[in-house]
């Protein structure tokens, strides 16, 4: 039972090699994984944080995939066994020689030697696909935006950065849909935190209002004491309620409103940060979508993930 073995090995101190904190961010294509990851790396510092995209473990380049009956969403289109091996090595603090897939050209380039730092973020389509990959992580996140918003994001990204036409992107979305349903969305049930960026359906916010965030905080890990944070002064910005998960289980759900002011959000960030008993304050870069453009729901989402990463580090044996 290798998934249980890796858990036991990570918790032991059989050598002097430090164990990094491992965070998984899973989700479908263009669901916001890279934006969320980028903000966390900047908040922690590149000197302390390694980030890896599992798209690097594709088996075939873009030209080869045109002749295949499946897409990168299918496990058979990826070296899942190598991904499992590399995640185990990283989780134990050991280096890997990682493949590199270049999205701008659709080809593979020279492999990269990676030594894990204090924190490792793994983002992509398949980090929660198998028992063994899931066992390598301290915190597991799944991004679950409404499908119409994800499609808008994918069209904008793939036409602006990857050279596709709108028609090509829409056709590929249709082609990928069966595999998305079969292989990507089922990973949601294995996440400790499910994040959804979307408008509030009951409100008529003006155009340009940032998307709100909904975080389903499952009891698989210990979350910050948000009930103590959410006073009446804060409820216009954020509130916590109990809702039913997809399997009917009652679960805490945190709502962070897109119309929250920077002042309201920063007050909440300060209180959550104080629970960490860390020096200074929350990193200033949290919530940055583009230079000079900030989303308070994104900032608070990143802060909660950062909270879990820093708490996991403090709870490491020998810390």
Protein backbone atom coordinates (compact mmCIF):
# COMPACT_ATOMS: atom_id res chain seq x y z
CA UNK A 1 0.00 0.00 0.00
CA UNK A 2 2.47 2.65 -1.24
CA UNK A 3 0.17 5.60 -0.48
CA UNK A 4 0.21 4.72 3.23
CA UNK A 5 3.95 4.07 3.13
CA UNK A 6 4.69 7.54 1.76
CA UNK A 7 2.54 9.10 4.50
CA UNK A 8 4.42 7.20 7.20
CA UNK A 9 7.80 7.95 5.66
CA UNK A 10 7.07 11.67 5.45
CA UNK A 11 6.11 11.79 9.13
CA UNK A 12 9.28 10.01 10.28
CA UNK A 13 12.75 11.46 10.87
CA UNK A 14 14.84 8.65 9.40
CA UNK A 15 17.43 11.06 7.96
CA UNK A 16 18.43 14.69 8.27
CA UNK A 17 16.79 15.74 5.02
CA UNK A 18 14.04 18.34 5.64
CA UNK A 19 10.55 17.53 4.40
CA UNK A 20 8.95 20.33 2.38
CA UNK A 21 5.33 21.39 2.81
CA UNK A 22 3.44 20.09 -0.24
CA UNK A 23 0.39 21.92 -1.65
CA UNK A 24 -1.71 20.61 -4.58
CA UNK A 25 -3.81 22.95 -6.72
CA UNK A 26 -5.92 20.89 -9.13
CA UNK A 27 -8.53 21.95 -11.65
CA UNK A 28 -9.54 21.99 -15.28
CA UNK A 29 -7.73 23.99 -17.94
CA UNK A 30 -7.96 27.78 -17.39
CA UNK A 31 -9.60 27.46 -13.96
CA UNK A 32 -7.18 29.91 -12.31
CA UNK A 33 -4.49 27.54 -11.03
CA UNK A 34 -1.52 29.55 -12.31
CA UNK A 35 -2.85 32.87 -10.98
CA UNK A 36 -3.40 31.37 -7.53
CA UNK A 37 0.02 29.69 -7.56
CA UNK A 38 1.88 32.78 -8.75
CA UNK A 39 0.51 34.86 -5.87
CA UNK A 40 1.50 32.24 -3.30
CA UNK A 41 5.05 31.97 -4.66
CA UNK A 42 5.45 35.75 -4.57
CA UNK A 43 4.03 35.89 -1.03
CA UNK A 44 6.39 33.20 0.30
CA UNK A 45 9.37 34.16 -1.86
CA UNK A 46 10.99 32.26 -4.72
CA UNK A 47 13.94 31.48 -2.46
CA UNK A 48 11.64 29.41 -0.23
CA UNK A 49 9.03 28.05 -2.65
CA UNK A 50 9.18 25.68 -5.64
CA UNK A 51 6.25 25.54 -8.07
CA UNK A 52 5.71 22.86 -10.70
CA UNK A 53 3.02 22.49 -13.36
CA UNK A 54 2.11 18.87 -14.08
CA UNK A 55 1.52 19.74 -17.75
CA UNK A 56 5.25 19.01 -17.96
CA UNK A 57 4.36 15.32 -17.67
CA UNK A 58 2.47 15.17 -20.98
CA UNK A 59 3.57 12.19 -23.11
CA UNK A 60 3.01 13.88 -26.46
CA UNK A 61 3.71 17.29 -27.93
CA UNK A 62 0.99 19.42 -29.55
CA UNK A 63 1.58 18.09 -33.07
CA UNK A 64 1.49 14.45 -31.93
CA UNK A 65 -1.73 15.00 -30.00
CA UNK A 66 -3.59 15.96 -33.19
CA UNK A 67 -3.43 12.31 -34.26
CA UNK A 68 -4.57 10.87 -30.92
CA UNK A 69 -8.09 9.82 -29.87
CA UNK A 70 -7.72 11.51 -26.45
CA UNK A 71 -6.60 14.85 -24.99
CA UNK A 72 -4.19 15.87 -22.18
CA UNK A 73 -7.10 15.48 -19.74
CA UNK A 74 -6.87 11.70 -20.16
CA UNK A 75 -4.33 10.00 -17.86
CA UNK A 76 -3.06 7.96 -20.83
CA UNK A 77 -1.82 11.22 -22.36
CA UNK A 78 0.47 11.79 -19.37
CA UNK A 79 3.34 9.97 -17.65
CA UNK A 80 1.34 9.38 -14.46
CA UNK A 81 3.82 6.81 -13.13
CA UNK A 82 6.71 9.29 -13.46
CA UNK A 83 4.60 11.99 -11.83
CA UNK A 84 3.92 9.67 -8.90
CA UNK A 85 7.65 8.90 -8.55
CA UNK A 86 8.63 12.56 -8.68
CA UNK A 87 5.99 13.64 -6.16
CA UNK A 88 7.23 10.99 -3.73
CA UNK A 89 10.81 12.19 -4.12
CA UNK A 90 9.83 15.84 -3.65
CA UNK A 91 7.70 15.00 -0.62
CA UNK A 92 10.74 13.35 0.96
CA UNK A 93 12.94 16.36 0.20
CA UNK A 94 14.83 14.75 -2.69
CA UNK A 95 15.66 16.26 -6.11
CA UNK A 96 14.12 15.32 -9.44
CA UNK A 97 14.98 15.79 -13.12
CA UNK A 98 11.69 17.27 -14.32
CA UNK A 99 10.52 17.28 -17.94
CA UNK A 100 9.58 20.69 -19.37
CA UNK A 101 6.65 21.35 -21.73
CA UNK A 102 6.62 24.75 -23.45
CA UNK A 103 3.03 25.94 -23.99
CA UNK A 104 4.13 28.73 -26.32
CA UNK A 105 5.49 26.23 -28.86
CA UNK A 106 3.70 23.03 -27.88
CA UNK A 107 7.02 21.18 -27.65
CA UNK A 108 9.29 19.74 -24.97
CA UNK A 109 12.54 21.44 -23.99
CA UNK A 110 15.54 20.48 -21.86
CA UNK A 111 14.68 18.78 -18.53
CA UNK A 112 15.13 20.85 -15.38
CA UNK A 113 16.94 19.77 -12.19
CA UNK A 114 14.71 20.63 -9.23
CA UNK A 115 15.67 20.57 -5.58
CA UNK A 116 12.61 21.10 -3.38
CA UNK A 117 12.62 24.18 -1.17
CA UNK A 118 10.71 24.66 2.09
CA UNK A 119 7.40 24.78 0.20
CA UNK A 120 6.39 22.95 -2.99
CA UNK A 121 3.27 23.85 -4.99
CA UNK A 122 2.11 21.36 -7.62
CA UNK A 123 -0.56 22.72 -9.96
CA UNK A 124 -2.26 21.26 -12.98
CA UNK A 125 -4.82 18.84 -14.33
CA UNK A 126 -3.88 15.67 -12.44
CA UNK A 127 -2.23 16.22 -9.03
CA UNK A 128 -5.11 14.51 -7.17
CA UNK A 129 -5.76 11.73 -9.68
CA UNK A 130 -4.37 8.74 -7.78
CA UNK A 131 -4.09 7.58 -4.17
CA UNK A 132 -0.32 7.85 -4.37
CA UNK A 133 -0.25 11.42 -5.69
CA UNK A 134 -2.80 12.51 -3.07
CA UNK A 135 -0.75 10.95 -0.27
CA UNK A 136 2.17 13.25 -1.08
CA UNK A 137 0.36 16.46 -0.10
CA UNK A 138 -0.23 18.30 3.16
CA UNK A 139 -2.98 20.48 1.67
CA UNK A 140 -5.14 19.67 -1.36
CA UNK A 141 -7.09 22.33 -3.27
CA UNK A 142 -9.48 22.06 -6.21
CA UNK A 143 -10.56 25.05 -8.32
CA UNK A 144 -14.17 24.80 -9.44
CA UNK A 145 -15.34 27.94 -11.32
CA UNK A 146 -18.69 27.91 -13.13
CA UNK A 147 -18.21 26.39 -16.55
CA UNK A 148 -19.26 29.49 -18.48
CA UNK A 149 -16.61 31.57 -16.67
CA UNK A 150 -13.90 28.95 -17.19
CA UNK A 151 -14.71 28.86 -20.91
CA UNK A 152 -14.35 32.67 -21.10
CA UNK A 153 -10.99 32.46 -19.32
CA UNK A 154 -9.77 29.70 -21.62
CA UNK A 155 -10.74 31.53 -24.80
CA UNK A 156 -9.04 34.72 -23.57
CA UNK A 157 -5.86 32.90 -22.53
CA UNK A 158 -5.47 30.55 -25.47
CA UNK A 159 -6.14 33.22 -28.11
CA UNK A 160 -4.00 35.82 -26.35
CA UNK A 161 -1.04 33.71 -25.25
CA UNK A 162 -1.05 30.41 -27.16
CA UNK A 163 -1.86 31.41 -30.72
CA UNK A 164 -5.25 29.71 -31.13
CA UNK A 165 -8.33 31.15 -32.81
CA UNK A 166 -11.63 31.42 -30.91
CA UNK A 167 -13.10 28.68 -33.10
CA UNK A 168 -10.20 26.33 -32.31
CA UNK A 169 -10.54 26.91 -28.56
CA UNK A 170 -14.30 26.30 -28.56
CA UNK A 171 -13.88 23.14 -30.63
CA UNK A 172 -11.21 21.85 -28.24
CA UNK A 173 -13.44 22.59 -25.24
CA UNK A 174 -16.17 20.42 -26.76
CA UNK A 175 -13.68 17.66 -27.53
CA UNK A 176 -12.35 17.71 -23.98
CA UNK A 177 -15.71 17.75 -22.20
CA UNK A 178 -16.15 13.94 -21.80
CA UNK A 179 -12.63 13.59 -20.36
CA UNK A 180 -13.12 16.59 -18.10
CA UNK A 181 -16.18 14.89 -16.64
CA UNK A 182 -14.43 11.52 -16.37
CA UNK A 183 -10.97 12.50 -15.07
CA UNK A 184 -10.76 16.12 -13.86
CA UNK A 185 -13.96 16.90 -11.96
CA UNK A 186 -13.82 13.68 -9.86
CA UNK A 187 -10.65 15.05 -8.20
CA UNK A 188 -12.87 17.62 -6.48
CA UNK A 189 -14.02 15.09 -3.89
CA UNK A 190 -10.43 14.55 -2.70
CA UNK A 191 -9.71 18.23 -1.94
CA UNK A 192 -9.46 19.74 1.54
CA UNK A 193 -10.56 23.09 0.11
CA UNK A 194 -12.75 23.67 -2.96
CA UNK A 195 -12.49 27.20 -4.37
CA UNK A 196 -15.03 28.80 -6.71
CA UNK A 197 -14.64 32.31 -8.15
CA UNK A 198 -18.00 33.53 -9.48
CA UNK A 199 -20.49 36.41 -9.29
CA UNK A 200 -23.05 36.38 -6.48
CA UNK A 201 -26.23 35.25 -8.22
CA UNK A 202 -28.52 37.16 -5.85
CA UNK A 203 -26.83 40.52 -6.50
CA UNK A 204 -26.82 42.89 -9.44
CA UNK A 205 -23.27 44.17 -9.12
CA UNK A 206 -22.12 46.71 -11.73
CA UNK A 207 -19.90 45.55 -14.62
CA UNK A 208 -16.27 45.24 -13.59
CA UNK A 209 -17.03 44.13 -10.03
CA UNK A 210 -14.42 41.48 -9.10
CA UNK A 211 -15.69 37.92 -8.83
CA UNK A 212 -16.61 36.73 -5.37
CA UNK A 213 -14.94 33.67 -3.86
CA UNK A 214 -16.61 30.68 -2.26
CA UNK A 215 -14.35 28.35 -0.27
CA UNK A 216 -15.67 25.01 0.90
CA UNK A 217 -13.55 24.20 3.98
CA UNK A 218 -13.78 20.47 4.51
CA UNK A 219 -12.95 19.03 7.97
CA UNK A 220 -10.06 16.96 6.59
CA UNK A 221 -7.60 19.62 7.84
CA UNK A 222 -7.73 22.20 10.64
CA UNK A 223 -8.86 25.57 9.29
CA UNK A 224 -8.34 29.00 10.92
CA UNK A 225 -10.89 29.98 13.55
CA UNK A 226 -12.93 32.12 11.18
CA UNK A 227 -15.98 32.23 13.43
CA UNK A 228 -13.94 34.45 15.77
CA UNK A 229 -12.96 36.70 12.87
CA UNK A 230 -16.36 37.23 11.29
CA UNK A 231 -17.88 39.87 13.53
CA UNK A 232 -20.81 42.04 12.47
CA UNK A 233 -18.30 44.65 11.29
CA UNK A 234 -16.95 42.24 8.70
CA UNK A 235 -20.06 40.54 7.33
CA UNK A 236 -20.40 42.92 4.39
CA UNK A 237 -17.07 41.57 3.15
CA UNK A 238 -17.11 37.93 4.20
CA UNK A 239 -19.39 35.45 5.92
CA UNK A 240 -19.28 31.81 6.95
CA UNK A 241 -22.17 29.38 6.76
CA UNK A 242 -22.87 25.67 6.80
CA UNK A 243 -23.86 24.14 3.47
CA UNK A 244 -24.25 20.64 2.06
CA UNK A 245 -21.36 19.21 0.08
CA UNK A 246 -22.08 17.20 -3.08
CA UNK A 247 -22.38 14.02 -1.00
CA UNK A 248 -24.74 15.71 1.47
CA UNK A 249 -22.15 16.22 4.22
CA UNK A 250 -22.53 19.51 6.16
CA UNK A 251 -19.43 21.63 5.45
CA UNK A 252 -18.26 25.12 6.38
CA UNK A 253 -18.41 27.47 3.40
CA UNK A 254 -16.65 30.83 3.41
CA UNK A 255 -17.98 33.56 1.10
CA UNK A 256 -15.72 36.51 0.24
CA UNK A 257 -17.65 39.16 -1.66
CA UNK A 258 -16.27 40.80 -4.78
CA UNK A 259 -17.53 44.18 -3.59
CA UNK A 260 -15.47 44.00 -0.38
CA UNK A 261 -13.37 47.10 0.11
CA UNK A 262 -9.61 46.97 0.49
CA UNK A 263 -9.97 48.30 4.05
CA UNK A 264 -12.43 45.56 5.04
CA UNK A 265 -10.29 42.84 3.47
CA UNK A 266 -7.07 44.05 5.09
CA UNK A 267 -8.69 44.02 8.53
CA UNK A 268 -9.63 40.40 8.01
CA UNK A 269 -6.19 39.54 6.63
CA UNK A 270 -4.57 41.03 9.72
CA UNK A 271 -6.72 38.99 12.11
CA UNK A 272 -6.08 35.71 10.23
CA UNK A 273 -2.36 36.48 10.06
CA UNK A 274 -2.23 37.07 13.82
CA UNK A 275 -3.44 33.51 14.38
CA UNK A 276 -0.20 32.35 12.77
CA UNK A 277 1.81 34.27 15.38
CA UNK A 278 4.20 35.33 12.62
CA UNK A 279 6.19 38.52 12.48
CA UNK A 280 5.15 41.40 10.23
CA UNK A 281 1.86 41.35 8.37
CA UNK A 282 0.24 39.64 5.40
CA UNK A 283 2.30 39.89 2.19
CA UNK A 284 1.42 42.95 0.11
CA UNK A 285 1.36 41.02 -3.18
CA UNK A 286 -1.66 38.91 -2.23
CA UNK A 287 -4.61 39.31 -4.58
CA UNK A 288 -2.72 40.78 -7.52
CA UNK A 289 -4.32 39.77 -10.82
CA UNK A 290 -2.29 42.13 -12.99
CA UNK A 291 0.15 44.90 -12.02
CA UNK A 292 -1.94 47.48 -10.18
CA UNK A 293 -5.10 45.32 -10.28
CA UNK A 294 -6.09 43.64 -7.02
CA UNK A 295 -8.92 41.26 -6.12
CA UNK A 296 -9.81 41.10 -2.42
CA UNK A 297 -11.51 37.67 -2.76
CA UNK A 298 -8.33 36.35 -4.41
CA UNK A 299 -6.19 37.93 -1.69
CA UNK A 300 -8.18 36.32 1.12
CA UNK A 301 -8.22 32.96 -0.70
CA UNK A 302 -4.45 33.06 -1.09
CA UNK A 303 -4.08 34.09 2.55
CA UNK A 304 -6.05 31.07 3.77
CA UNK A 305 -3.91 28.75 1.63
CA UNK A 306 -0.80 30.51 2.90
CA UNK A 307 -2.08 30.03 6.46
CA UNK A 308 -2.30 26.27 5.88
CA UNK A 309 1.17 26.11 4.33
CA UNK A 310 2.79 28.01 7.20
CA UNK A 311 0.88 26.03 9.83
CA UNK A 312 1.95 22.76 8.17
CA UNK A 313 5.56 23.92 8.38
CA UNK A 314 5.22 24.71 12.10
CA UNK A 315 3.71 21.28 12.75
CA UNK A 316 6.56 19.41 11.04
CA UNK A 317 8.49 17.04 13.33
CA UNK A 318 11.58 18.86 14.56
CA UNK A 319 10.27 22.32 13.70
